[in-house]
Amino acid sequence: ISMTYLNKNLVWYTKWASSLCLIIGMALTSANLYPFNMYFQLTGIIGWLVVGMLWHDRSLIVLNTVGASIFISGIISSFL
């Protein structure tokens, strides 16, 4: 995908919205609001995974794939 002006704006909004979700997730973790914290953190991680894929940044892809797997398993276990 070529990075047009529109794509750059979408990536910019995605990374900042994802960062905000991660910050909210951290705040919810400190307030011990489980499992809502994991929903926000998973949303932020998936957003950063998308950004990593668009940037072709392997470290972001690996980090956020592992993080998403961890949060998904935690969310599933919260239902059991």
N, C-alpha and C. Protein backbone atom coordinates (compact mmCIF):
# COMPACT_ATOMS: atom_id res chain seq x y z
N ILE A 1 0.87 -1.18 0.00
CA ILE A 1 0.00 0.00 0.00
C ILE A 1 0.90 1.23 0.00
N SER A 2 0.67 2.11 -0.95
CA SER A 2 1.49 3.32 -0.97
C SER A 2 0.94 4.31 0.05
N MET A 3 1.84 5.04 0.65
CA MET A 3 1.45 5.96 1.71
C MET A 3 1.05 7.32 1.11
N THR A 4 -0.20 7.43 0.73
CA THR A 4 -0.72 8.70 0.24
C THR A 4 -1.00 9.60 1.44
N TYR A 5 -1.37 10.83 1.14
CA TYR A 5 -1.69 11.78 2.22
C TYR A 5 -2.83 11.23 3.08
N LEU A 6 -3.86 10.65 2.45
CA LEU A 6 -4.99 10.10 3.19
C LEU A 6 -4.54 8.94 4.07
N ASN A 7 -3.68 8.05 3.52
CA ASN A 7 -3.18 6.93 4.31
C ASN A 7 -2.35 7.41 5.49
N LYS A 8 -1.53 8.43 5.28
CA LYS A 8 -0.72 8.96 6.38
C LYS A 8 -1.60 9.52 7.49
N ASN A 9 -2.69 10.19 7.11
CA ASN A 9 -3.62 10.70 8.11
C ASN A 9 -4.30 9.56 8.87
N LEU A 10 -4.72 8.51 8.16
CA LEU A 10 -5.36 7.37 8.82
C LEU A 10 -4.41 6.68 9.77
N VAL A 11 -3.14 6.54 9.35
CA VAL A 11 -2.15 5.93 10.24
C VAL A 11 -1.93 6.81 11.46
N TRP A 12 -1.85 8.13 11.25
CA TRP A 12 -1.65 9.06 12.36
C TRP A 12 -2.79 8.94 13.37
N TYR A 13 -4.04 8.95 12.90
CA TYR A 13 -5.18 8.83 13.80
C TYR A 13 -5.22 7.45 14.46
N THR A 14 -4.87 6.41 13.72
CA THR A 14 -4.88 5.06 14.29
C THR A 14 -3.87 4.92 15.40
N LYS A 15 -2.65 5.43 15.20
CA LYS A 15 -1.64 5.27 16.25
C LYS A 15 -1.98 6.10 17.49
N TRP A 16 -2.57 7.29 17.32
CA TRP A 16 -2.93 8.08 18.49
C TRP A 16 -4.16 7.53 19.21
N ALA A 17 -5.14 7.06 18.46
CA ALA A 17 -6.31 6.43 19.09
C ALA A 17 -5.89 5.16 19.81
N SER A 18 -5.00 4.39 19.21
CA SER A 18 -4.50 3.17 19.84
C SER A 18 -3.71 3.48 21.11
N SER A 19 -2.89 4.51 21.05
CA SER A 19 -2.13 4.92 22.24
C SER A 19 -3.07 5.35 23.36
N LEU A 20 -4.12 6.08 23.01
CA LEU A 20 -5.11 6.50 24.01
C LEU A 20 -5.80 5.29 24.63
N CYS A 21 -6.15 4.31 23.81
CA CYS A 21 -6.76 3.08 24.34
C CYS A 21 -5.82 2.37 25.29
N LEU A 22 -4.54 2.32 24.96
CA LEU A 22 -3.56 1.68 25.85
C LEU A 22 -3.43 2.43 27.17
N ILE A 23 -3.44 3.76 27.11
CA ILE A 23 -3.36 4.56 28.35
C ILE A 23 -4.59 4.34 29.21
N ILE A 24 -5.77 4.32 28.58
CA ILE A 24 -7.00 4.05 29.33
C ILE A 24 -6.94 2.66 29.94
N GLY A 25 -6.45 1.69 29.17
CA GLY A 25 -6.30 0.33 29.70
C GLY A 25 -5.37 0.26 30.89
N MET A 26 -4.27 1.02 30.84
CA MET A 26 -3.36 1.06 31.99
C MET A 26 -4.02 1.69 33.21
N ALA A 27 -4.78 2.75 32.98
CA ALA A 27 -5.49 3.40 34.09
C ALA A 27 -6.51 2.46 34.71
N LEU A 28 -7.21 1.72 33.85
CA LEU A 28 -8.19 0.75 34.36
C LEU A 28 -7.50 -0.39 35.11
N THR A 29 -6.31 -0.77 34.66
CA THR A 29 -5.54 -1.80 35.38
C THR A 29 -5.16 -1.30 36.76
N SER A 30 -4.73 -0.05 36.84
CA SER A 30 -4.34 0.48 38.15
C SER A 30 -5.53 0.62 39.08
N ALA A 31 -6.72 0.77 38.50
CA ALA A 31 -7.95 0.84 39.30
C ALA A 31 -8.55 -0.55 39.53
N ASN A 32 -7.84 -1.58 39.04
CA ASN A 32 -8.25 -2.97 39.20
C ASN A 32 -9.64 -3.23 38.59
N LEU A 33 -9.89 -2.66 37.43
CA LEU A 33 -11.17 -2.86 36.74
C LEU A 33 -11.01 -3.92 35.66
N TYR A 34 -11.00 -5.14 36.11
CA TYR A 34 -10.82 -6.30 35.26
C TYR A 34 -12.19 -6.82 34.85
N PRO A 35 -12.47 -7.22 33.67
CA PRO A 35 -11.64 -7.36 32.49
C PRO A 35 -11.71 -6.17 31.53
N PHE A 36 -12.36 -5.07 31.95
CA PHE A 36 -12.49 -3.91 31.05
C PHE A 36 -11.14 -3.37 30.61
N ASN A 37 -10.16 -3.45 31.50
CA ASN A 37 -8.81 -3.00 31.14
C ASN A 37 -8.28 -3.76 29.93
N MET A 38 -8.56 -5.06 29.88
CA MET A 38 -8.04 -5.87 28.78
C MET A 38 -8.72 -5.55 27.45
N TYR A 39 -9.98 -5.14 27.49
CA TYR A 39 -10.67 -4.75 26.25
C TYR A 39 -10.00 -3.52 25.64
N PHE A 40 -9.71 -2.54 26.47
CA PHE A 40 -9.05 -1.33 25.96
C PHE A 40 -7.63 -1.63 25.48
N GLN A 41 -6.92 -2.43 26.27
CA GLN A 41 -5.55 -2.74 25.87
C GLN A 41 -5.51 -3.57 24.59
N LEU A 42 -6.44 -4.50 24.44
CA LEU A 42 -6.49 -5.29 23.21
C LEU A 42 -6.80 -4.39 22.01
N THR A 43 -7.70 -3.44 22.17
CA THR A 43 -8.02 -2.51 21.09
C THR A 43 -6.78 -1.71 20.69
N GLY A 44 -6.05 -1.20 21.68
CA GLY A 44 -4.84 -0.44 21.40
C GLY A 44 -3.76 -1.28 20.73
N ILE A 45 -3.61 -2.51 21.20
CA ILE A 45 -2.61 -3.42 20.63
C ILE A 45 -2.94 -3.74 19.18
N ILE A 46 -4.22 -4.00 18.89
CA ILE A 46 -4.61 -4.31 17.51
C ILE A 46 -4.38 -3.09 16.61
N GLY A 47 -4.68 -1.90 17.12
CA GLY A 47 -4.41 -0.69 16.35
C GLY A 47 -2.94 -0.54 16.01
N TRP A 48 -2.08 -0.78 17.00
CA TRP A 48 -0.64 -0.68 16.75
C TRP A 48 -0.15 -1.82 15.86
N LEU A 49 -0.82 -2.98 15.91
CA LEU A 49 -0.48 -4.06 14.99
C LEU A 49 -0.76 -3.65 13.54
N VAL A 50 -1.89 -2.99 13.32
CA VAL A 50 -2.23 -2.49 11.99
C VAL A 50 -1.19 -1.46 11.53
N VAL A 51 -0.82 -0.55 12.41
CA VAL A 51 0.19 0.45 12.07
C VAL A 51 1.53 -0.23 11.74
N GLY A 52 1.91 -1.21 12.53
CA GLY A 52 3.15 -1.94 12.26
C GLY A 52 3.13 -2.62 10.91
N MET A 53 1.97 -3.18 10.55
CA MET A 53 1.86 -3.82 9.23
C MET A 53 1.96 -2.79 8.11
N LEU A 54 1.32 -1.64 8.28
CA LEU A 54 1.38 -0.60 7.25
C LEU A 54 2.80 -0.04 7.11
N TRP A 55 3.52 0.03 8.22
CA TRP A 55 4.89 0.53 8.20
C TRP A 55 5.91 -0.56 7.85
N HIS A 56 5.46 -1.82 7.77
CA HIS A 56 6.36 -2.96 7.54
C HIS A 56 7.43 -3.03 8.63
N ASP A 57 7.01 -2.78 9.87
CA ASP A 57 7.92 -2.77 11.01
C ASP A 57 7.77 -4.09 11.77
N ARG A 58 8.75 -4.98 11.57
CA ARG A 58 8.64 -6.32 12.14
C ARG A 58 8.59 -6.33 13.65
N SER A 59 9.31 -5.42 14.29
CA SER A 59 9.31 -5.42 15.76
C SER A 59 7.92 -5.06 16.29
N LEU A 60 7.24 -4.10 15.67
CA LEU A 60 5.88 -3.76 16.09
C LEU A 60 4.91 -4.91 15.80
N ILE A 61 5.10 -5.58 14.68
CA ILE A 61 4.24 -6.70 14.32
C ILE A 61 4.38 -7.83 15.33
N VAL A 62 5.62 -8.20 15.64
CA VAL A 62 5.86 -9.30 16.59
C VAL A 62 5.35 -8.93 17.97
N LEU A 63 5.72 -7.76 18.46
CA LEU A 63 5.33 -7.33 19.79
C LEU A 63 3.81 -7.32 19.95
N ASN A 64 3.11 -6.74 18.99
CA ASN A 64 1.67 -6.59 19.12
C ASN A 64 0.90 -7.86 18.80
N THR A 65 1.48 -8.75 18.00
CA THR A 65 0.87 -10.06 17.79
C THR A 65 0.91 -10.87 19.07
N VAL A 66 2.07 -10.88 19.72
CA VAL A 66 2.20 -11.59 21.00
C VAL A 66 1.28 -10.96 22.05
N GLY A 67 1.28 -9.62 22.11
CA GLY A 67 0.41 -8.93 23.08
C GLY A 67 -1.06 -9.23 22.84
N ALA A 68 -1.49 -9.23 21.58
CA ALA A 68 -2.89 -9.53 21.27
C ALA A 68 -3.23 -10.95 21.68
N SER A 69 -2.32 -11.89 21.45
CA SER A 69 -2.54 -13.28 21.85
C SER A 69 -2.71 -13.39 23.36
N ILE A 70 -1.89 -12.69 24.10
CA ILE A 70 -1.96 -12.72 25.56
C ILE A 70 -3.29 -12.14 26.04
N PHE A 71 -3.68 -10.98 25.50
CA PHE A 71 -4.94 -10.37 25.94
C PHE A 71 -6.15 -11.19 25.52
N ILE A 72 -6.11 -11.78 24.32
CA ILE A 72 -7.23 -12.62 23.88
C ILE A 72 -7.38 -13.82 24.80
N SER A 73 -6.26 -14.46 25.16
CA SER A 73 -6.35 -15.61 26.07
C SER A 73 -6.85 -15.18 27.44
N GLY A 74 -6.46 -13.99 27.90
CA GLY A 74 -6.96 -13.49 29.18
C GLY A 74 -8.44 -13.18 29.14
N ILE A 75 -8.90 -12.62 28.03
CA ILE A 75 -10.32 -12.32 27.89
C ILE A 75 -11.14 -13.60 27.84
N ILE A 76 -10.64 -14.60 27.10
CA ILE A 76 -11.34 -15.89 27.03
C ILE A 76 -11.41 -16.51 28.41
N SER A 77 -10.30 -16.48 29.16
CA SER A 77 -10.30 -17.09 30.50
C SER A 77 -11.20 -16.33 31.47
N SER A 78 -11.46 -15.05 31.20
CA SER A 78 -12.35 -14.30 32.09
C SER A 78 -13.81 -14.76 31.95
N PHE A 79 -14.13 -15.39 30.80
CA PHE A 79 -15.47 -15.90 30.59
C PHE A 79 -15.66 -17.30 31.16
N LEU A 80 -14.58 -17.98 31.44
CA LEU A 80 -14.66 -19.38 31.92
C LEU A 80 -14.84 -19.45 33.41
